[in-house]
Amino acid sequence: MSQGLPGTDKLVGEDQFASRTWMEWLSWVHRVASAVTQSGTTAERPDSLLWIGRQYYDRTLNKPVYVAAVKPTVWRDAAGTIV
């Protein structure tokens, strides 16, 4: 998953607000950054914005897990056990 910078668009337009292109890019960065720090129960594990290696702290299991495969989604713990 990657998304490059919004090309040559100016960050701030004449109205002194961030351009739409930059706002969309910043929103994408925020979603990815938020995903990296997510936690919750096993039932609340995310099903979007998944990539191999993405971490999630599973409060049901009281340990971090990570995505080992995306389609189908496979979650593993640090020992490599499917959880």
N, C-alpha and C. Protein backbone atom coordinates (compact mmCIF):
# COMPACT_ATOMS: atom_id res chain seq x y z
N MET A 1 0.85 -1.16 0.00
CA MET A 1 0.00 0.00 0.00
C MET A 1 0.90 1.23 0.00
N SER A 2 0.69 2.06 -0.96
CA SER A 2 1.45 3.30 -0.96
C SER A 2 0.65 4.38 -1.66
N GLN A 3 0.91 5.57 -1.29
CA GLN A 3 0.27 6.71 -1.92
C GLN A 3 1.28 7.83 -1.94
N GLY A 4 1.60 8.27 -3.13
CA GLY A 4 2.59 9.33 -3.27
C GLY A 4 2.04 10.69 -2.90
N LEU A 5 2.93 11.64 -2.82
CA LEU A 5 2.52 13.02 -2.56
C LEU A 5 1.63 13.52 -3.68
N PRO A 6 0.79 14.52 -3.40
CA PRO A 6 -0.16 15.01 -4.40
C PRO A 6 0.47 15.80 -5.54
N GLY A 7 1.50 15.35 -6.10
CA GLY A 7 2.09 15.97 -7.28
C GLY A 7 2.56 17.40 -7.06
N THR A 8 2.26 18.24 -8.02
CA THR A 8 2.75 19.62 -7.97
C THR A 8 1.69 20.59 -7.45
N ASP A 9 0.57 20.08 -6.95
CA ASP A 9 -0.46 20.96 -6.40
C ASP A 9 0.09 21.75 -5.22
N LYS A 10 -0.31 23.02 -5.15
CA LYS A 10 0.11 23.85 -4.02
C LYS A 10 -0.57 23.35 -2.76
N LEU A 11 0.16 23.41 -1.65
CA LEU A 11 -0.41 22.99 -0.37
C LEU A 11 -1.54 23.93 0.04
N VAL A 12 -1.32 25.23 -0.07
CA VAL A 12 -2.31 26.22 0.35
C VAL A 12 -2.77 27.00 -0.88
N GLY A 13 -4.09 27.10 -1.02
CA GLY A 13 -4.65 27.83 -2.15
C GLY A 13 -4.75 29.32 -1.84
N GLU A 14 -5.30 30.06 -2.80
CA GLU A 14 -5.45 31.50 -2.64
C GLU A 14 -6.36 31.86 -1.47
N ASP A 15 -7.26 30.96 -1.10
CA ASP A 15 -8.17 31.20 0.03
C ASP A 15 -7.50 30.94 1.38
N GLN A 16 -6.21 30.59 1.36
CA GLN A 16 -5.41 30.32 2.56
C GLN A 16 -5.79 29.02 3.27
N PHE A 17 -6.47 28.13 2.56
CA PHE A 17 -6.80 26.81 3.10
C PHE A 17 -6.05 25.76 2.29
N ALA A 18 -5.85 24.62 2.91
CA ALA A 18 -5.18 23.52 2.20
C ALA A 18 -6.01 23.11 0.99
N SER A 19 -5.33 22.79 -0.10
CA SER A 19 -6.04 22.38 -1.32
C SER A 19 -6.73 21.04 -1.09
N ARG A 20 -7.74 20.76 -1.90
CA ARG A 20 -8.49 19.51 -1.78
C ARG A 20 -7.57 18.30 -1.93
N THR A 21 -6.67 18.36 -2.88
CA THR A 21 -5.74 17.25 -3.12
C THR A 21 -4.92 16.96 -1.87
N TRP A 22 -4.38 18.01 -1.26
CA TRP A 22 -3.57 17.83 -0.06
C TRP A 22 -4.43 17.37 1.12
N MET A 23 -5.66 17.87 1.24
CA MET A 23 -6.53 17.44 2.33
C MET A 23 -6.85 15.95 2.21
N GLU A 24 -7.09 15.48 1.00
CA GLU A 24 -7.34 14.05 0.80
C GLU A 24 -6.11 13.23 1.16
N TRP A 25 -4.93 13.71 0.76
CA TRP A 25 -3.70 12.99 1.08
C TRP A 25 -3.46 12.97 2.59
N LEU A 26 -3.65 14.10 3.26
CA LEU A 26 -3.46 14.17 4.71
C LEU A 26 -4.47 13.28 5.43
N SER A 27 -5.68 13.22 4.92
CA SER A 27 -6.69 12.34 5.50
C SER A 27 -6.25 10.88 5.38
N TRP A 28 -5.69 10.51 4.21
CA TRP A 28 -5.19 9.15 4.02
C TRP A 28 -4.07 8.84 5.01
N VAL A 29 -3.14 9.78 5.19
CA VAL A 29 -2.03 9.60 6.14
C VAL A 29 -2.59 9.41 7.55
N HIS A 30 -3.58 10.20 7.90
CA HIS A 30 -4.19 10.08 9.24
C HIS A 30 -4.83 8.71 9.43
N ARG A 31 -5.55 8.21 8.43
CA ARG A 31 -6.18 6.88 8.55
C ARG A 31 -5.14 5.79 8.74
N VAL A 32 -4.04 5.87 7.99
CA VAL A 32 -2.98 4.86 8.11
C VAL A 32 -2.32 4.95 9.48
N ALA A 33 -2.00 6.17 9.93
CA ALA A 33 -1.37 6.35 11.24
C ALA A 33 -2.29 5.86 12.36
N SER A 34 -3.57 6.10 12.24
CA SER A 34 -4.53 5.63 13.24
C SER A 34 -4.61 4.11 13.24
N ALA A 35 -4.54 3.51 12.06
CA ALA A 35 -4.62 2.06 11.95
C ALA A 35 -3.45 1.39 12.66
N VAL A 36 -2.30 2.00 12.61
CA VAL A 36 -1.10 1.42 13.21
C VAL A 36 -1.22 1.32 14.72
N THR A 37 -2.00 2.19 15.32
CA THR A 37 -2.11 2.23 16.78
C THR A 37 -3.44 1.67 17.29
N GLN A 38 -4.19 0.96 16.46
CA GLN A 38 -5.49 0.45 16.87
C GLN A 38 -5.39 -0.69 17.86
N SER A 39 -6.42 -0.77 18.71
CA SER A 39 -6.55 -1.90 19.62
C SER A 39 -8.03 -2.12 19.87
N GLY A 40 -8.34 -3.30 20.36
CA GLY A 40 -9.72 -3.65 20.66
C GLY A 40 -9.84 -5.14 20.87
N THR A 41 -11.08 -5.60 20.91
CA THR A 41 -11.31 -7.03 21.12
C THR A 41 -11.07 -7.80 19.83
N THR A 42 -11.05 -9.11 19.94
CA THR A 42 -10.88 -9.95 18.76
C THR A 42 -11.98 -9.67 17.74
N ALA A 43 -13.21 -9.50 18.21
CA ALA A 43 -14.35 -9.25 17.31
C ALA A 43 -14.24 -7.90 16.61
N GLU A 44 -13.47 -6.98 17.17
CA GLU A 44 -13.34 -5.64 16.60
C GLU A 44 -12.14 -5.50 15.66
N ARG A 45 -11.46 -6.57 15.37
CA ARG A 45 -10.30 -6.47 14.48
C ARG A 45 -10.71 -5.83 13.16
N PRO A 46 -9.87 -4.97 12.63
CA PRO A 46 -10.24 -4.29 11.38
C PRO A 46 -10.32 -5.24 10.20
N ASP A 47 -11.14 -4.84 9.22
CA ASP A 47 -11.24 -5.62 7.99
C ASP A 47 -10.98 -4.75 6.76
N SER A 48 -10.50 -3.53 6.98
CA SER A 48 -10.11 -2.67 5.87
C SER A 48 -8.77 -2.03 6.21
N LEU A 49 -8.14 -1.43 5.22
CA LEU A 49 -6.79 -0.87 5.37
C LEU A 49 -5.83 -1.92 5.93
N LEU A 50 -5.90 -3.12 5.37
CA LEU A 50 -5.04 -4.21 5.83
C LEU A 50 -3.82 -4.34 4.92
N TRP A 51 -2.70 -4.65 5.53
CA TRP A 51 -1.48 -4.97 4.78
C TRP A 51 -0.68 -5.96 5.62
N ILE A 52 0.13 -6.75 4.97
CA ILE A 52 0.93 -7.75 5.68
C ILE A 52 1.87 -7.02 6.63
N GLY A 53 1.82 -7.42 7.88
CA GLY A 53 2.64 -6.80 8.91
C GLY A 53 1.89 -5.78 9.76
N ARG A 54 0.66 -5.44 9.35
CA ARG A 54 -0.11 -4.47 10.13
C ARG A 54 -0.39 -5.04 11.52
N GLN A 55 -0.12 -4.24 12.53
CA GLN A 55 -0.31 -4.70 13.91
C GLN A 55 -1.65 -4.23 14.47
N TYR A 56 -2.11 -4.96 15.47
CA TYR A 56 -3.34 -4.64 16.18
C TYR A 56 -3.18 -5.24 17.57
N TYR A 57 -3.47 -4.45 18.61
CA TYR A 57 -3.39 -5.01 19.96
C TYR A 57 -4.73 -5.62 20.31
N ASP A 58 -4.76 -6.93 20.45
CA ASP A 58 -5.99 -7.66 20.74
C ASP A 58 -6.17 -7.73 22.25
N ARG A 59 -7.15 -6.98 22.76
CA ARG A 59 -7.38 -6.93 24.21
C ARG A 59 -8.04 -8.21 24.72
N THR A 60 -8.69 -8.98 23.86
CA THR A 60 -9.24 -10.27 24.28
C THR A 60 -8.10 -11.23 24.61
N LEU A 61 -7.07 -11.22 23.77
CA LEU A 61 -5.92 -12.11 23.96
C LEU A 61 -4.83 -11.47 24.81
N ASN A 62 -4.93 -10.16 25.05
CA ASN A 62 -3.92 -9.39 25.78
C ASN A 62 -2.53 -9.50 25.16
N LYS A 63 -2.51 -9.37 23.83
CA LYS A 63 -1.21 -9.37 23.14
C LYS A 63 -1.38 -8.79 21.75
N PRO A 64 -0.28 -8.31 21.18
CA PRO A 64 -0.35 -7.79 19.82
C PRO A 64 -0.42 -8.93 18.82
N VAL A 65 -1.14 -8.70 17.74
CA VAL A 65 -1.21 -9.64 16.63
C VAL A 65 -0.91 -8.85 15.35
N TYR A 66 -0.63 -9.57 14.29
CA TYR A 66 -0.33 -8.88 13.04
C TYR A 66 -0.92 -9.65 11.87
N VAL A 67 -1.14 -8.96 10.76
CA VAL A 67 -1.69 -9.58 9.57
C VAL A 67 -0.58 -10.35 8.86
N ALA A 68 -0.80 -11.64 8.66
CA ALA A 68 0.16 -12.47 7.96
C ALA A 68 -0.25 -12.70 6.51
N ALA A 69 -1.54 -12.59 6.22
CA ALA A 69 -2.06 -12.72 4.86
C ALA A 69 -3.32 -11.85 4.77
N VAL A 70 -3.55 -11.29 3.59
CA VAL A 70 -4.67 -10.36 3.45
C VAL A 70 -5.93 -11.03 2.91
N LYS A 71 -5.81 -11.87 1.88
CA LYS A 71 -7.00 -12.52 1.30
C LYS A 71 -6.80 -14.02 1.27
N PRO A 72 -7.37 -14.80 2.16
CA PRO A 72 -8.18 -14.36 3.30
C PRO A 72 -7.28 -13.79 4.40
N THR A 73 -7.88 -13.00 5.25
CA THR A 73 -7.11 -12.36 6.33
C THR A 73 -6.69 -13.40 7.37
N VAL A 74 -5.40 -13.45 7.64
CA VAL A 74 -4.85 -14.34 8.64
C VAL A 74 -4.10 -13.50 9.65
N TRP A 75 -4.47 -13.61 10.92
CA TRP A 75 -3.81 -12.90 12.01
C TRP A 75 -2.93 -13.87 12.77
N ARG A 76 -1.72 -13.45 13.11
CA ARG A 76 -0.79 -14.27 13.89
C ARG A 76 -0.27 -13.47 15.07
N ASP A 77 0.20 -14.20 16.09
CA ASP A 77 0.85 -13.52 17.21
C ASP A 77 2.37 -13.55 16.99
N ALA A 78 3.12 -13.05 17.95
CA ALA A 78 4.57 -12.95 17.79
C ALA A 78 5.25 -14.31 17.63
N ALA A 79 4.64 -15.36 18.16
CA ALA A 79 5.19 -16.71 18.03
C ALA A 79 4.86 -17.33 16.67
N GLY A 80 4.03 -16.65 15.89
CA GLY A 80 3.65 -17.18 14.59
C GLY A 80 2.38 -18.01 14.60
N THR A 81 1.77 -18.13 15.78
CA THR A 81 0.55 -18.90 15.91
C THR A 81 -0.63 -18.14 15.31
N ILE A 82 -1.44 -18.82 14.53
CA ILE A 82 -2.65 -18.19 13.97
C ILE A 82 -3.63 -17.96 15.11
N VAL A 83 -4.10 -16.71 15.19
CA VAL A 83 -5.03 -16.35 16.28
C VAL A 83 -6.30 -15.77 15.72
